[in-house]
Amino acid sequence: KIMNDPYAGQLSYIRIYSGKLKPGT
């Protein structure tokens, strides 16, 4: 899912199946 937020900009909803997600990845 992708949505635009007036404050945060574009938000992408992600479901992680494996591994880790960190800022800067």
mmCIF file of all heavy atoms, coordinates in Angstrom:
data_MODEL
# 
_entry.id   MODEL 
# 
loop_
_atom_site.group_PDB 
_atom_site.id 
_atom_site.type_symbol 
_atom_site.label_atom_id 
_atom_site.label_alt_id 
_atom_site.label_comp_id 
_atom_site.label_asym_id 
_atom_site.label_entity_id 
_atom_site.label_seq_id 
_atom_site.pdbx_PDB_ins_code 
_atom_site.Cartn_x 
_atom_site.Cartn_y 
_atom_site.Cartn_z 
_atom_site.occupancy 
_atom_site.B_iso_or_equiv 
_atom_site.pdbx_formal_charge 
_atom_site.auth_seq_id 
_atom_site.auth_comp_id 
_atom_site.auth_asym_id 
_atom_site.auth_atom_id 
_atom_site.pdbx_PDB_model_num 
ATOM 1   N N   . LYS A 1 1  ? 0.851  -1.186  0.000  1.00 0.00 ? 1  LYS A N   1 
ATOM 2   C CA  . LYS A 1 1  ? 0.000  0.000   0.000  1.00 0.00 ? 1  LYS A CA  1 
ATOM 3   C C   . LYS A 1 1  ? 0.888  1.238   0.000  1.00 0.00 ? 1  LYS A C   1 
ATOM 4   O O   . LYS A 1 1  ? 1.911  1.258   0.679  1.00 0.00 ? 1  LYS A O   1 
ATOM 5   C CB  . LYS A 1 1  ? -0.882 -0.046  1.262  1.00 0.00 ? 1  LYS A CB  1 
ATOM 6   C CG  . LYS A 1 1  ? -1.844 1.125   1.429  1.00 0.00 ? 1  LYS A CG  1 
ATOM 7   C CD  . LYS A 1 1  ? -2.632 0.932   2.720  1.00 0.00 ? 1  LYS A CD  1 
ATOM 8   C CE  . LYS A 1 1  ? -3.288 2.211   3.161  1.00 0.00 ? 1  LYS A CE  1 
ATOM 9   N NZ  . LYS A 1 1  ? -4.691 2.285   2.897  1.00 0.00 ? 1  LYS A NZ  1 
ATOM 10  N N   . ILE A 1 2  ? 0.480  2.228   -0.763 1.00 0.00 ? 2  ILE A N   1 
ATOM 11  C CA  . ILE A 1 2  ? 1.229  3.486   -0.793 1.00 0.00 ? 2  ILE A CA  1 
ATOM 12  C C   . ILE A 1 2  ? 0.228  4.600   -0.553 1.00 0.00 ? 2  ILE A C   1 
ATOM 13  O O   . ILE A 1 2  ? -0.879 4.574   -1.100 1.00 0.00 ? 2  ILE A O   1 
ATOM 14  C CB  . ILE A 1 2  ? 1.925  3.688   -2.154 1.00 0.00 ? 2  ILE A CB  1 
ATOM 15  C CG1 . ILE A 1 2  ? 3.049  2.664   -2.305 1.00 0.00 ? 2  ILE A CG1 1 
ATOM 16  C CG2 . ILE A 1 2  ? 2.477  5.099   -2.285 1.00 0.00 ? 2  ILE A CG2 1 
ATOM 17  C CD1 . ILE A 1 2  ? 3.742  2.701   -3.632 1.00 0.00 ? 2  ILE A CD1 1 
ATOM 18  N N   . MET A 1 3  ? 0.580  5.551   0.293  1.00 0.00 ? 3  MET A N   1 
ATOM 19  C CA  . MET A 1 3  ? -0.321 6.697   0.463  1.00 0.00 ? 3  MET A CA  1 
ATOM 20  C C   . MET A 1 3  ? 0.495  7.961   0.686  1.00 0.00 ? 3  MET A C   1 
ATOM 21  O O   . MET A 1 3  ? 1.654  7.900   1.098  1.00 0.00 ? 3  MET A O   1 
ATOM 22  C CB  . MET A 1 3  ? -1.292 6.462   1.612  1.00 0.00 ? 3  MET A CB  1 
ATOM 23  C CG  . MET A 1 3  ? -0.649 6.212   2.945  1.00 0.00 ? 3  MET A CG  1 
ATOM 24  S SD  . MET A 1 3  ? -1.886 5.943   4.199  1.00 0.00 ? 3  MET A SD  1 
ATOM 25  C CE  . MET A 1 3  ? -2.236 7.608   4.681  1.00 0.00 ? 3  MET A CE  1 
ATOM 26  N N   . ASN A 1 4  ? -0.126 9.087   0.383  1.00 0.00 ? 4  ASN A N   1 
ATOM 27  C CA  . ASN A 1 4  ? 0.550  10.364  0.574  1.00 0.00 ? 4  ASN A CA  1 
ATOM 28  C C   . ASN A 1 4  ? 0.056  10.999  1.851  1.00 0.00 ? 4  ASN A C   1 
ATOM 29  O O   . ASN A 1 4  ? -1.145 11.102  2.069  1.00 0.00 ? 4  ASN A O   1 
ATOM 30  C CB  . ASN A 1 4  ? 0.289  11.279  -0.609 1.00 0.00 ? 4  ASN A CB  1 
ATOM 31  C CG  . ASN A 1 4  ? 1.289  11.030  -1.712 1.00 0.00 ? 4  ASN A CG  1 
ATOM 32  O OD1 . ASN A 1 4  ? 2.491  11.028  -1.458 1.00 0.00 ? 4  ASN A OD1 1 
ATOM 33  N ND2 . ASN A 1 4  ? 0.803  10.784  -2.913 1.00 0.00 ? 4  ASN A ND2 1 
ATOM 34  N N   . ASP A 1 5  ? 0.994  11.397  2.679  1.00 0.00 ? 5  ASP A N   1 
ATOM 35  C CA  . ASP A 1 5  ? 0.639  12.032  3.937  1.00 0.00 ? 5  ASP A CA  1 
ATOM 36  C C   . ASP A 1 5  ? 1.063  13.493  3.845  1.00 0.00 ? 5  ASP A C   1 
ATOM 37  O O   . ASP A 1 5  ? 2.173  13.788  3.392  1.00 0.00 ? 5  ASP A O   1 
ATOM 38  C CB  . ASP A 1 5  ? 1.382  11.328  5.076  1.00 0.00 ? 5  ASP A CB  1 
ATOM 39  C CG  . ASP A 1 5  ? 0.983  11.873  6.428  1.00 0.00 ? 5  ASP A CG  1 
ATOM 40  O OD1 . ASP A 1 5  ? -0.014 11.386  6.972  1.00 0.00 ? 5  ASP A OD1 1 
ATOM 41  O OD2 . ASP A 1 5  ? 1.668  12.784  6.936  1.00 0.00 ? 5  ASP A OD2 1 
ATOM 42  N N   . PRO A 1 6  ? 0.171  14.432  4.265  1.00 0.00 ? 6  PRO A N   1 
ATOM 43  C CA  . PRO A 1 6  ? 0.535  15.859  4.126  1.00 0.00 ? 6  PRO A CA  1 
ATOM 44  C C   . PRO A 1 6  ? 1.803  16.226  4.882  1.00 0.00 ? 6  PRO A C   1 
ATOM 45  O O   . PRO A 1 6  ? 2.501  17.164  4.515  1.00 0.00 ? 6  PRO A O   1 
ATOM 46  C CB  . PRO A 1 6  ? -0.683 16.593  4.697  1.00 0.00 ? 6  PRO A CB  1 
ATOM 47  C CG  . PRO A 1 6  ? -1.511 15.568  5.391  1.00 0.00 ? 6  PRO A CG  1 
ATOM 48  C CD  . PRO A 1 6  ? -1.187 14.256  4.771  1.00 0.00 ? 6  PRO A CD  1 
ATOM 49  N N   . TYR A 1 7  ? 2.134  15.479  5.959  1.00 0.00 ? 7  TYR A N   1 
ATOM 50  C CA  . TYR A 1 7  ? 3.323  15.835  6.755  1.00 0.00 ? 7  TYR A CA  1 
ATOM 51  C C   . TYR A 1 7  ? 4.516  14.944  6.441  1.00 0.00 ? 7  TYR A C   1 
ATOM 52  O O   . TYR A 1 7  ? 5.635  15.402  6.332  1.00 0.00 ? 7  TYR A O   1 
ATOM 53  C CB  . TYR A 1 7  ? 2.992  15.755  8.253  1.00 0.00 ? 7  TYR A CB  1 
ATOM 54  C CG  . TYR A 1 7  ? 1.783  16.567  8.600  1.00 0.00 ? 7  TYR A CG  1 
ATOM 55  C CD1 . TYR A 1 7  ? 0.566  15.962  8.878  1.00 0.00 ? 7  TYR A CD1 1 
ATOM 56  C CD2 . TYR A 1 7  ? 1.844  17.966  8.602  1.00 0.00 ? 7  TYR A CD2 1 
ATOM 57  C CE1 . TYR A 1 7  ? -0.572 16.712  9.168  1.00 0.00 ? 7  TYR A CE1 1 
ATOM 58  C CE2 . TYR A 1 7  ? 0.715  18.726  8.881  1.00 0.00 ? 7  TYR A CE2 1 
ATOM 59  C CZ  . TYR A 1 7  ? -0.479 18.101  9.163  1.00 0.00 ? 7  TYR A CZ  1 
ATOM 60  O OH  . TYR A 1 7  ? -1.595 18.850  9.436  1.00 0.00 ? 7  TYR A OH  1 
ATOM 61  N N   . ALA A 1 8  ? 4.264  13.654  6.290  1.00 0.00 ? 8  ALA A N   1 
ATOM 62  C CA  . ALA A 1 8  ? 5.391  12.722  6.147  1.00 0.00 ? 8  ALA A CA  1 
ATOM 63  C C   . ALA A 1 8  ? 5.752  12.444  4.696  1.00 0.00 ? 8  ALA A C   1 
ATOM 64  O O   . ALA A 1 8  ? 6.722  11.759  4.425  1.00 0.00 ? 8  ALA A O   1 
ATOM 65  C CB  . ALA A 1 8  ? 5.063  11.422  6.862  1.00 0.00 ? 8  ALA A CB  1 
ATOM 66  N N   . GLY A 1 9  ? 4.958  12.941  3.760  1.00 0.00 ? 9  GLY A N   1 
ATOM 67  C CA  . GLY A 1 9  ? 5.248  12.652  2.351  1.00 0.00 ? 9  GLY A CA  1 
ATOM 68  C C   . GLY A 1 9  ? 4.703  11.285  1.970  1.00 0.00 ? 9  GLY A C   1 
ATOM 69  O O   . GLY A 1 9  ? 3.682  10.854  2.495  1.00 0.00 ? 9  GLY A O   1 
ATOM 70  N N   . GLN A 1 10 ? 5.410  10.617  1.069  1.00 0.00 ? 10 GLN A N   1 
ATOM 71  C CA  . GLN A 1 10 ? 4.898  9.327   0.608  1.00 0.00 ? 10 GLN A CA  1 
ATOM 72  C C   . GLN A 1 10 ? 5.229  8.222   1.611  1.00 0.00 ? 10 GLN A C   1 
ATOM 73  O O   . GLN A 1 10 ? 6.377  8.050   2.009  1.00 0.00 ? 10 GLN A O   1 
ATOM 74  C CB  . GLN A 1 10 ? 5.510  8.987   -0.748 1.00 0.00 ? 10 GLN A CB  1 
ATOM 75  C CG  . GLN A 1 10 ? 4.767  7.862   -1.426 1.00 0.00 ? 10 GLN A CG  1 
ATOM 76  C CD  . GLN A 1 10 ? 5.421  7.447   -2.724 1.00 0.00 ? 10 GLN A CD  1 
ATOM 77  O OE1 . GLN A 1 10 ? 6.610  7.180   -2.760 1.00 0.00 ? 10 GLN A OE1 1 
ATOM 78  N NE2 . GLN A 1 10 ? 4.646  7.399   -3.780 1.00 0.00 ? 10 GLN A NE2 1 
ATOM 79  N N   . LEU A 1 11 ? 4.190  7.496   2.012  1.00 0.00 ? 11 LEU A N   1 
ATOM 80  C CA  . LEU A 1 11 ? 4.387  6.376   2.943  1.00 0.00 ? 11 LEU A CA  1 
ATOM 81  C C   . LEU A 1 11 ? 4.171  5.071   2.189  1.00 0.00 ? 11 LEU A C   1 
ATOM 82  O O   . LEU A 1 11 ? 3.191  4.924   1.468  1.00 0.00 ? 11 LEU A O   1 
ATOM 83  C CB  . LEU A 1 11 ? 3.374  6.446   4.092  1.00 0.00 ? 11 LEU A CB  1 
ATOM 84  C CG  . LEU A 1 11 ? 3.479  7.630   5.040  1.00 0.00 ? 11 LEU A CG  1 
ATOM 85  C CD1 . LEU A 1 11 ? 2.305  7.621   6.008  1.00 0.00 ? 11 LEU A CD1 1 
ATOM 86  C CD2 . LEU A 1 11 ? 4.778  7.577   5.822  1.00 0.00 ? 11 LEU A CD2 1 
ATOM 87  N N   . SER A 1 12 ? 5.093  4.145   2.352  1.00 0.00 ? 12 SER A N   1 
ATOM 88  C CA  . SER A 1 12 ? 4.955  2.844   1.705  1.00 0.00 ? 12 SER A CA  1 
ATOM 89  C C   . SER A 1 12 ? 4.811  1.784   2.798  1.00 0.00 ? 12 SER A C   1 
ATOM 90  O O   . SER A 1 12 ? 5.670  1.666   3.660  1.00 0.00 ? 12 SER A O   1 
ATOM 91  C CB  . SER A 1 12 ? 6.201  2.534   0.883  1.00 0.00 ? 12 SER A CB  1 
ATOM 92  O OG  . SER A 1 12 ? 6.532  3.637   0.085  1.00 0.00 ? 12 SER A OG  1 
ATOM 93  N N   . TYR A 1 13 ? 3.710  1.054   2.751  1.00 0.00 ? 13 TYR A N   1 
ATOM 94  C CA  . TYR A 1 13 ? 3.480  0.007   3.750  1.00 0.00 ? 13 TYR A CA  1 
ATOM 95  C C   . TYR A 1 13 ? 4.134  -1.277  3.255  1.00 0.00 ? 13 TYR A C   1 
ATOM 96  O O   . TYR A 1 13 ? 3.892  -1.691  2.122  1.00 0.00 ? 13 TYR A O   1 
ATOM 97  C CB  . TYR A 1 13 ? 1.978  -0.255  3.898  1.00 0.00 ? 13 TYR A CB  1 
ATOM 98  C CG  . TYR A 1 13 ? 1.216  0.832   4.609  1.00 0.00 ? 13 TYR A CG  1 
ATOM 99  C CD1 . TYR A 1 13 ? 1.062  2.094   4.047  1.00 0.00 ? 13 TYR A CD1 1 
ATOM 100 C CD2 . TYR A 1 13 ? 0.637  0.583   5.851  1.00 0.00 ? 13 TYR A CD2 1 
ATOM 101 C CE1 . TYR A 1 13 ? 0.348  3.085   4.701  1.00 0.00 ? 13 TYR A CE1 1 
ATOM 102 C CE2 . TYR A 1 13 ? -0.085 1.566   6.505  1.00 0.00 ? 13 TYR A CE2 1 
ATOM 103 C CZ  . TYR A 1 13 ? -0.222 2.815   5.927  1.00 0.00 ? 13 TYR A CZ  1 
ATOM 104 O OH  . TYR A 1 13 ? -0.941 3.781   6.573  1.00 0.00 ? 13 TYR A OH  1 
ATOM 105 N N   . ILE A 1 14 ? 4.930  -1.906  4.104  1.00 0.00 ? 14 ILE A N   1 
ATOM 106 C CA  . ILE A 1 14 ? 5.642  -3.101  3.650  1.00 0.00 ? 14 ILE A CA  1 
ATOM 107 C C   . ILE A 1 14 ? 5.479  -4.243  4.643  1.00 0.00 ? 14 ILE A C   1 
ATOM 108 O O   . ILE A 1 14 ? 5.461  -4.017  5.851  1.00 0.00 ? 14 ILE A O   1 
ATOM 109 C CB  . ILE A 1 14 ? 7.141  -2.766  3.403  1.00 0.00 ? 14 ILE A CB  1 
ATOM 110 C CG1 . ILE A 1 14 ? 7.890  -3.956  2.815  1.00 0.00 ? 14 ILE A CG1 1 
ATOM 111 C CG2 . ILE A 1 14 ? 7.827  -2.277  4.659  1.00 0.00 ? 14 ILE A CG2 1 
ATOM 112 C CD1 . ILE A 1 14 ? 9.238  -3.572  2.208  1.00 0.00 ? 14 ILE A CD1 1 
ATOM 113 N N   . ARG A 1 15 ? 5.304  -5.419  4.114  1.00 0.00 ? 15 ARG A N   1 
ATOM 114 C CA  . ARG A 1 15 ? 5.278  -6.619  4.957  1.00 0.00 ? 15 ARG A CA  1 
ATOM 115 C C   . ARG A 1 15 ? 6.618  -7.320  4.737  1.00 0.00 ? 15 ARG A C   1 
ATOM 116 O O   . ARG A 1 15 ? 6.973  -7.661  3.610  1.00 0.00 ? 15 ARG A O   1 
ATOM 117 C CB  . ARG A 1 15 ? 4.114  -7.528  4.515  1.00 0.00 ? 15 ARG A CB  1 
ATOM 118 C CG  . ARG A 1 15 ? 4.245  -9.013  4.906  1.00 0.00 ? 15 ARG A CG  1 
ATOM 119 C CD  . ARG A 1 15 ? 3.968  -9.246  6.372  1.00 0.00 ? 15 ARG A CD  1 
ATOM 120 N NE  . ARG A 1 15 ? 4.606  -10.474 6.826  1.00 0.00 ? 15 ARG A NE  1 
ATOM 121 C CZ  . ARG A 1 15 ? 3.976  -11.622 7.007  1.00 0.00 ? 15 ARG A CZ  1 
ATOM 122 N NH1 . ARG A 1 15 ? 2.696  -11.722 6.774  1.00 0.00 ? 15 ARG A NH1 1 
ATOM 123 N NH2 . ARG A 1 15 ? 4.621  -12.670 7.454  1.00 0.00 ? 15 ARG A NH2 1 
ATOM 124 N N   . ILE A 1 16 ? 7.362  -7.535  5.806  1.00 0.00 ? 16 ILE A N   1 
ATOM 125 C CA  . ILE A 1 16 ? 8.673  -8.194  5.705  1.00 0.00 ? 16 ILE A CA  1 
ATOM 126 C C   . ILE A 1 16 ? 8.492  -9.699  5.845  1.00 0.00 ? 16 ILE A C   1 
ATOM 127 O O   . ILE A 1 16 ? 7.872  -10.166 6.810  1.00 0.00 ? 16 ILE A O   1 
ATOM 128 C CB  . ILE A 1 16 ? 9.612  -7.691  6.828  1.00 0.00 ? 16 ILE A CB  1 
ATOM 129 C CG1 . ILE A 1 16 ? 9.706  -6.177  6.833  1.00 0.00 ? 16 ILE A CG1 1 
ATOM 130 C CG2 . ILE A 1 16 ? 10.984 -8.335  6.699  1.00 0.00 ? 16 ILE A CG2 1 
ATOM 131 C CD1 . ILE A 1 16 ? 10.648 -5.563  5.885  1.00 0.00 ? 16 ILE A CD1 1 
ATOM 132 N N   . TYR A 1 17 ? 9.037  -10.439 4.912  1.00 0.00 ? 17 TYR A N   1 
ATOM 133 C CA  . TYR A 1 17 ? 8.965  -11.906 4.991  1.00 0.00 ? 17 TYR A CA  1 
ATOM 134 C C   . TYR A 1 17 ? 10.276 -12.511 5.483  1.00 0.00 ? 17 TYR A C   1 
ATOM 135 O O   . TYR A 1 17 ? 10.309 -13.606 6.010  1.00 0.00 ? 17 TYR A O   1 
ATOM 136 C CB  . TYR A 1 17 ? 8.634  -12.497 3.613  1.00 0.00 ? 17 TYR A CB  1 
ATOM 137 C CG  . TYR A 1 17 ? 7.211  -12.226 3.203  1.00 0.00 ? 17 TYR A CG  1 
ATOM 138 C CD1 . TYR A 1 17 ? 6.908  -11.237 2.275  1.00 0.00 ? 17 TYR A CD1 1 
ATOM 139 C CD2 . TYR A 1 17 ? 6.172  -12.957 3.766  1.00 0.00 ? 17 TYR A CD2 1 
ATOM 140 C CE1 . TYR A 1 17 ? 5.598  -10.982 1.914  1.00 0.00 ? 17 TYR A CE1 1 
ATOM 141 C CE2 . TYR A 1 17 ? 4.857  -12.701 3.407  1.00 0.00 ? 17 TYR A CE2 1 
ATOM 142 C CZ  . TYR A 1 17 ? 4.571  -11.721 2.483  1.00 0.00 ? 17 TYR A CZ  1 
ATOM 143 O OH  . TYR A 1 17 ? 3.269  -11.473 2.133  1.00 0.00 ? 17 TYR A OH  1 
ATOM 144 N N   . SER A 1 18 ? 11.391 -11.790 5.255  1.00 0.00 ? 18 SER A N   1 
ATOM 145 C CA  . SER A 1 18 ? 12.698 -12.318 5.645  1.00 0.00 ? 18 SER A CA  1 
ATOM 146 C C   . SER A 1 18 ? 13.645 -11.134 5.805  1.00 0.00 ? 18 SER A C   1 
ATOM 147 O O   . SER A 1 18 ? 13.505 -10.120 5.120  1.00 0.00 ? 18 SER A O   1 
ATOM 148 C CB  . SER A 1 18 ? 13.177 -13.265 4.541  1.00 0.00 ? 18 SER A CB  1 
ATOM 149 O OG  . SER A 1 18 ? 14.574 -13.379 4.552  1.00 0.00 ? 18 SER A OG  1 
ATOM 150 N N   . GLY A 1 19 ? 14.605 -11.271 6.717  1.00 0.00 ? 19 GLY A N   1 
ATOM 151 C CA  . GLY A 1 19 ? 15.600 -10.213 6.888  1.00 0.00 ? 19 GLY A CA  1 
ATOM 152 C C   . GLY A 1 19 ? 15.107 -9.054  7.741  1.00 0.00 ? 19 GLY A C   1 
ATOM 153 O O   . GLY A 1 19 ? 14.071 -9.137  8.390  1.00 0.00 ? 19 GLY A O   1 
ATOM 154 N N   . LYS A 1 20 ? 15.892 -7.968  7.735  1.00 0.00 ? 20 LYS A N   1 
ATOM 155 C CA  . LYS A 1 20 ? 15.580 -6.790  8.561  1.00 0.00 ? 20 LYS A CA  1 
ATOM 156 C C   . LYS A 1 20 ? 15.598 -5.544  7.698  1.00 0.00 ? 20 LYS A C   1 
ATOM 157 O O   . LYS A 1 20 ? 16.369 -5.458  6.755  1.00 0.00 ? 20 LYS A O   1 
ATOM 158 C CB  . LYS A 1 20 ? 16.655 -6.613  9.644  1.00 0.00 ? 20 LYS A CB  1 
ATOM 159 C CG  . LYS A 1 20 ? 16.570 -7.604  10.777 1.00 0.00 ? 20 LYS A CG  1 
ATOM 160 C CD  . LYS A 1 20 ? 17.671 -7.331  11.774 1.00 0.00 ? 20 LYS A CD  1 
ATOM 161 C CE  . LYS A 1 20 ? 17.686 -8.407  12.854 1.00 0.00 ? 20 LYS A CE  1 
ATOM 162 N NZ  . LYS A 1 20 ? 18.932 -8.437  13.602 1.00 0.00 ? 20 LYS A NZ  1 
ATOM 163 N N   . LEU A 1 21 ? 14.789 -4.585  8.093  1.00 0.00 ? 21 LEU A N   1 
ATOM 164 C CA  . LEU A 1 21 ? 14.736 -3.307  7.369  1.00 0.00 ? 21 LEU A CA  1 
ATOM 165 C C   . LEU A 1 21 ? 15.169 -2.211  8.326  1.00 0.00 ? 21 LEU A C   1 
ATOM 166 O O   . LEU A 1 21 ? 14.584 -2.061  9.392  1.00 0.00 ? 21 LEU A O   1 
ATOM 167 C CB  . LEU A 1 21 ? 13.296 -3.069  6.895  1.00 0.00 ? 21 LEU A CB  1 
ATOM 168 C CG  . LEU A 1 21 ? 13.082 -1.944  5.912  1.00 0.00 ? 21 LEU A CG  1 
ATOM 169 C CD1 . LEU A 1 21 ? 13.735 -2.276  4.588  1.00 0.00 ? 21 LEU A CD1 1 
ATOM 170 C CD2 . LEU A 1 21 ? 11.590 -1.741  5.682  1.00 0.00 ? 21 LEU A CD2 1 
ATOM 171 N N   . LYS A 1 22 ? 16.207 -1.466  7.961  1.00 0.00 ? 22 LYS A N   1 
ATOM 172 C CA  . LYS A 1 22 ? 16.679 -0.382  8.827  1.00 0.00 ? 22 LYS A CA  1 
ATOM 173 C C   . LYS A 1 22 ? 16.751 0.905   8.001  1.00 0.00 ? 22 LYS A C   1 
ATOM 174 O O   . LYS A 1 22 ? 16.935 0.841   6.790  1.00 0.00 ? 22 LYS A O   1 
ATOM 175 C CB  . LYS A 1 22 ? 18.088 -0.683  9.350  1.00 0.00 ? 22 LYS A CB  1 
ATOM 176 C CG  . LYS A 1 22 ? 18.185 -1.920  10.220 1.00 0.00 ? 22 LYS A CG  1 
ATOM 177 C CD  . LYS A 1 22 ? 19.593 -2.007  10.803 1.00 0.00 ? 22 LYS A CD  1 
ATOM 178 C CE  . LYS A 1 22 ? 19.774 -3.279  11.630 1.00 0.00 ? 22 LYS A CE  1 
ATOM 179 N NZ  . LYS A 1 22 ? 20.838 -4.132  11.145 1.00 0.00 ? 22 LYS A NZ  1 
ATOM 180 N N   . PRO A 1 23 ? 16.637 2.057   8.655  1.00 0.00 ? 23 PRO A N   1 
ATOM 181 C CA  . PRO A 1 23 ? 16.818 3.308   7.904  1.00 0.00 ? 23 PRO A CA  1 
ATOM 182 C C   . PRO A 1 23 ? 18.209 3.308   7.275  1.00 0.00 ? 23 PRO A C   1 
ATOM 183 O O   . PRO A 1 23 ? 19.175 2.861   7.890  1.00 0.00 ? 23 PRO A O   1 
ATOM 184 C CB  . PRO A 1 23 ? 16.703 4.389   8.983  1.00 0.00 ? 23 PRO A CB  1 
ATOM 185 C CG  . PRO A 1 23 ? 15.969 3.736   10.106 1.00 0.00 ? 23 PRO A CG  1 
ATOM 186 C CD  . PRO A 1 23 ? 16.314 2.285   10.059 1.00 0.00 ? 23 PRO A CD  1 
ATOM 187 N N   . GLY A 1 24 ? 18.282 3.782   6.040  1.00 0.00 ? 24 GLY A N   1 
ATOM 188 C CA  . GLY A 1 24 ? 19.588 3.825   5.374  1.00 0.00 ? 24 GLY A CA  1 
ATOM 189 C C   . GLY A 1 24 ? 19.885 2.577   4.549  1.00 0.00 ? 24 GLY A C   1 
ATOM 190 O O   . GLY A 1 24 ? 20.839 2.568   3.779  1.00 0.00 ? 24 GLY A O   1 
ATOM 191 N N   . THR A 1 25 ? 19.079 1.513   4.704  1.00 0.00 ? 25 THR A N   1 
ATOM 192 C CA  . THR A 1 25 ? 19.307 0.295   3.921  1.00 0.00 ? 25 THR A CA  1 
ATOM 193 C C   . THR A 1 25 ? 19.044 0.596   2.441  1.00 0.00 ? 25 THR A C   1 
ATOM 194 O O   . THR A 1 25 ? 18.111 1.317   2.108  1.00 0.00 ? 25 THR A O   1 
ATOM 195 C CB  . THR A 1 25 ? 18.313 -0.818  4.353  1.00 0.00 ? 25 THR A CB  1 
ATOM 196 O OG1 . THR A 1 25 ? 18.309 -0.903  5.758  1.00 0.00 ? 25 THR A OG1 1 
ATOM 197 C CG2 . THR A 1 25 ? 18.666 -2.169  3.762  1.00 0.00 ? 25 THR A CG2 1 
# 
